[in-house]
């Protein structure tokens, strides 16, 4: 008699799932795309990188609050996953605006 596979908790799906190995079409979903895009944008801002480096707490939510403070976005209360992803999109827009150069004609 074989043992049933162990279940692991998937926080995004909010349910227990069975880990399976699909070799033909593997799907990797470690982080939502908004978090990945925010990480890419943050690396274009050396001053923000220094702030995040100096922050002793490396929790993703604390880091998001540091980025929000840098972007002058007020954050208060509890947020759902969708609201956090919306905050990520807003922070990406703010950071992109911050690095945009305006060139005026002579």
C-alpha atoms as a PDB file:
ATOM      1  CA  UNK A   1       0.000   0.000   0.000  1.00  0.00           C
ATOM      2  CA  UNK A   2       1.512   3.341  -1.037  1.00  0.00           C
ATOM      3  CA  UNK A   3       1.453   6.417   1.146  1.00  0.00           C
ATOM      4  CA  UNK A   4      -0.647   9.343  -0.108  1.00  0.00           C
ATOM      5  CA  UNK A   5       1.409  12.424  -1.049  1.00  0.00           C
ATOM      6  CA  UNK A   6       1.886  15.034   1.636  1.00  0.00           C
ATOM      7  CA  UNK A   7      -0.109  18.206   1.223  1.00  0.00           C
ATOM      8  CA  UNK A   8       1.503  21.634   1.391  1.00  0.00           C
ATOM      9  CA  UNK A   9      -0.224  24.956   2.049  1.00  0.00           C
ATOM     10  CA  UNK A  10      -0.477  27.275  -0.955  1.00  0.00           C
ATOM     11  CA  UNK A  11      -1.029  30.809   0.439  1.00  0.00           C
ATOM     12  CA  UNK A  12      -2.060  32.211  -2.954  1.00  0.00           C
ATOM     13  CA  UNK A  13      -4.711  29.571  -3.537  1.00  0.00           C
ATOM     14  CA  UNK A  14      -5.572  29.532   0.190  1.00  0.00           C
ATOM     15  CA  UNK A  15      -5.776  25.758   0.188  1.00  0.00           C
ATOM     16  CA  UNK A  16      -3.659  22.671   0.675  1.00  0.00           C
ATOM     17  CA  UNK A  17      -2.263  21.260  -2.554  1.00  0.00           C
ATOM     18  CA  UNK A  18      -0.391  18.145  -3.491  1.00  0.00           C
ATOM     19  CA  UNK A  19       3.090  18.834  -4.841  1.00  0.00           C
ATOM     20  CA  UNK A  20       3.378  17.301  -8.289  1.00  0.00           C
ATOM     21  CA  UNK A  21       6.192  17.250 -10.765  1.00  0.00           C
ATOM     22  CA  UNK A  22       5.203  18.123 -14.324  1.00  0.00           C
ATOM     23  CA  UNK A  23       8.258  17.722 -16.511  1.00  0.00           C
ATOM     24  CA  UNK A  24       6.721  18.599 -19.882  1.00  0.00           C
ATOM     25  CA  UNK A  25       5.209  21.982 -18.995  1.00  0.00           C
ATOM     26  CA  UNK A  26       6.503  23.139 -15.627  1.00  0.00           C
ATOM     27  CA  UNK A  27       4.780  26.161 -14.114  1.00  0.00           C
ATOM     28  CA  UNK A  28       6.656  28.192 -11.540  1.00  0.00           C
ATOM     29  CA  UNK A  29       4.673  30.693  -9.525  1.00  0.00           C
ATOM     30  CA  UNK A  30       6.779  31.732  -6.580  1.00  0.00           C
ATOM     31  CA  UNK A  31       5.796  35.397  -6.471  1.00  0.00           C
ATOM     32  CA  UNK A  32       3.059  37.411  -8.179  1.00  0.00           C
ATOM     33  CA  UNK A  33       4.268  39.301 -11.243  1.00  0.00           C
ATOM     34  CA  UNK A  34       3.610  42.666  -9.554  1.00  0.00           C
ATOM     35  CA  UNK A  35       6.192  41.868  -6.858  1.00  0.00           C
ATOM     36  CA  UNK A  36       8.712  40.795  -9.488  1.00  0.00           C
ATOM     37  CA  UNK A  37       8.108  43.991 -11.492  1.00  0.00           C
ATOM     38  CA  UNK A  38       8.448  46.102  -8.347  1.00  0.00           C
ATOM     39  CA  UNK A  39      11.744  44.422  -7.507  1.00  0.00           C
ATOM     40  CA  UNK A  40      13.048  45.172 -11.005  1.00  0.00           C
ATOM     41  CA  UNK A  41      11.996  48.826 -10.719  1.00  0.00           C
ATOM     42  CA  UNK A  42      13.478  49.216  -7.223  1.00  0.00           C
ATOM     43  CA  UNK A  43      16.892  48.245  -8.583  1.00  0.00           C
ATOM     44  CA  UNK A  44      16.819  51.368 -10.760  1.00  0.00           C
ATOM     45  CA  UNK A  45      16.764  53.606  -7.648  1.00  0.00           C
ATOM     46  CA  UNK A  46      20.087  53.570  -5.758  1.00  0.00           C
ATOM     47  CA  UNK A  47      18.838  55.761  -2.885  1.00  0.00           C
ATOM     48  CA  UNK A  48      15.888  53.428  -2.289  1.00  0.00           C
ATOM     49  CA  UNK A  49      18.153  50.395  -2.458  1.00  0.00           C
ATOM     50  CA  UNK A  50      20.281  51.913   0.305  1.00  0.00           C
ATOM     51  CA  UNK A  51      17.198  52.536   2.454  1.00  0.00           C
ATOM     52  CA  UNK A  52      16.046  48.933   1.985  1.00  0.00           C
ATOM     53  CA  UNK A  53      19.541  47.631   2.693  1.00  0.00           C
ATOM     54  CA  UNK A  54      19.758  49.604   5.944  1.00  0.00           C
ATOM     55  CA  UNK A  55      16.318  48.404   7.089  1.00  0.00           C
ATOM     56  CA  UNK A  56      16.997  45.593   9.597  1.00  0.00           C
ATOM     57  CA  UNK A  57      13.576  43.990   9.038  1.00  0.00           C
ATOM     58  CA  UNK A  58      13.557  42.065   5.733  1.00  0.00           C
ATOM     59  CA  UNK A  59       9.879  41.064   5.817  1.00  0.00           C
ATOM     60  CA  UNK A  60       8.250  41.757   2.444  1.00  0.00           C
ATOM     61  CA  UNK A  61       5.479  43.846   4.009  1.00  0.00           C
ATOM     62  CA  UNK A  62       7.962  46.033   5.893  1.00  0.00           C
ATOM     63  CA  UNK A  63       9.933  46.469   2.694  1.00  0.00           C
ATOM     64  CA  UNK A  64       6.718  47.470   0.860  1.00  0.00           C
ATOM     65  CA  UNK A  65       6.045  50.090   3.535  1.00  0.00           C
ATOM     66  CA  UNK A  66       9.577  51.451   3.112  1.00  0.00           C
ATOM     67  CA  UNK A  67       9.032  51.714  -0.642  1.00  0.00           C
ATOM     68  CA  UNK A  68       5.662  53.399  -0.079  1.00  0.00           C
ATOM     69  CA  UNK A  69       7.294  55.914   2.289  1.00  0.00           C
ATOM     70  CA  UNK A  70      10.000  56.634  -0.297  1.00  0.00           C
ATOM     71  CA  UNK A  71       7.266  57.213  -2.920  1.00  0.00           C
ATOM     72  CA  UNK A  72       5.277  59.406  -0.484  1.00  0.00           C
ATOM     73  CA  UNK A  73       2.304  57.017  -0.556  1.00  0.00           C
ATOM     74  CA  UNK A  74       0.311  56.883   2.677  1.00  0.00           C
ATOM     75  CA  UNK A  75      -0.480  53.324   3.759  1.00  0.00           C
ATOM     76  CA  UNK A  76      -2.741  52.484   6.686  1.00  0.00           C
ATOM     77  CA  UNK A  77      -4.772  49.469   7.766  1.00  0.00           C
ATOM     78  CA  UNK A  78      -5.059  45.864   6.699  1.00  0.00           C
ATOM     79  CA  UNK A  79      -4.883  44.887   3.041  1.00  0.00           C
ATOM     80  CA  UNK A  80      -6.056  41.895   1.058  1.00  0.00           C
ATOM     81  CA  UNK A  81      -3.731  40.188  -1.382  1.00  0.00           C
ATOM     82  CA  UNK A  82      -5.380  42.000  -4.308  1.00  0.00           C
ATOM     83  CA  UNK A  83      -4.982  45.340  -2.544  1.00  0.00           C
ATOM     84  CA  UNK A  84      -1.304  44.645  -1.904  1.00  0.00           C
ATOM     85  CA  UNK A  85      -0.802  43.819  -5.580  1.00  0.00           C
ATOM     86  CA  UNK A  86      -2.614  47.072  -6.453  1.00  0.00           C
ATOM     87  CA  UNK A  87      -0.251  48.906  -4.112  1.00  0.00           C
ATOM     88  CA  UNK A  88       2.670  47.294  -5.933  1.00  0.00           C
ATOM     89  CA  UNK A  89       1.346  48.571  -9.271  1.00  0.00           C
ATOM     90  CA  UNK A  90       0.948  52.071  -7.816  1.00  0.00           C
ATOM     91  CA  UNK A  91       4.483  52.010  -6.411  1.00  0.00           C
ATOM     92  CA  UNK A  92       5.860  50.886  -9.764  1.00  0.00           C
ATOM     93  CA  UNK A  93       4.137  53.863 -11.443  1.00  0.00           C
ATOM     94  CA  UNK A  94       5.482  56.289  -8.813  1.00  0.00           C
ATOM     95  CA  UNK A  95       9.016  54.936  -9.147  1.00  0.00           C
ATOM     96  CA  UNK A  96       8.853  55.102 -12.943  1.00  0.00           C
ATOM     97  CA  UNK A  97       7.718  58.732 -12.737  1.00  0.00           C
ATOM     98  CA  UNK A  98      10.570  59.461 -10.341  1.00  0.00           C
ATOM     99  CA  UNK A  99      13.191  58.296 -12.831  1.00  0.00           C
ATOM    100  CA  UNK A 100      11.611  59.965 -15.856  1.00  0.00           C
ATOM    101  CA  UNK A 101      13.703  62.824 -17.219  1.00  0.00           C
ATOM    102  CA  UNK A 102      11.976  65.778 -18.794  1.00  0.00           C
ATOM    103  CA  UNK A 103      13.985  67.343 -21.613  1.00  0.00           C
ATOM    104  CA  UNK A 104      13.058  70.893 -22.565  1.00  0.00           C
ATOM    105  CA  UNK A 105      14.063  72.442 -25.881  1.00  0.00           C
ATOM    106  CA  UNK A 106      16.489  75.389 -25.867  1.00  0.00           C
END
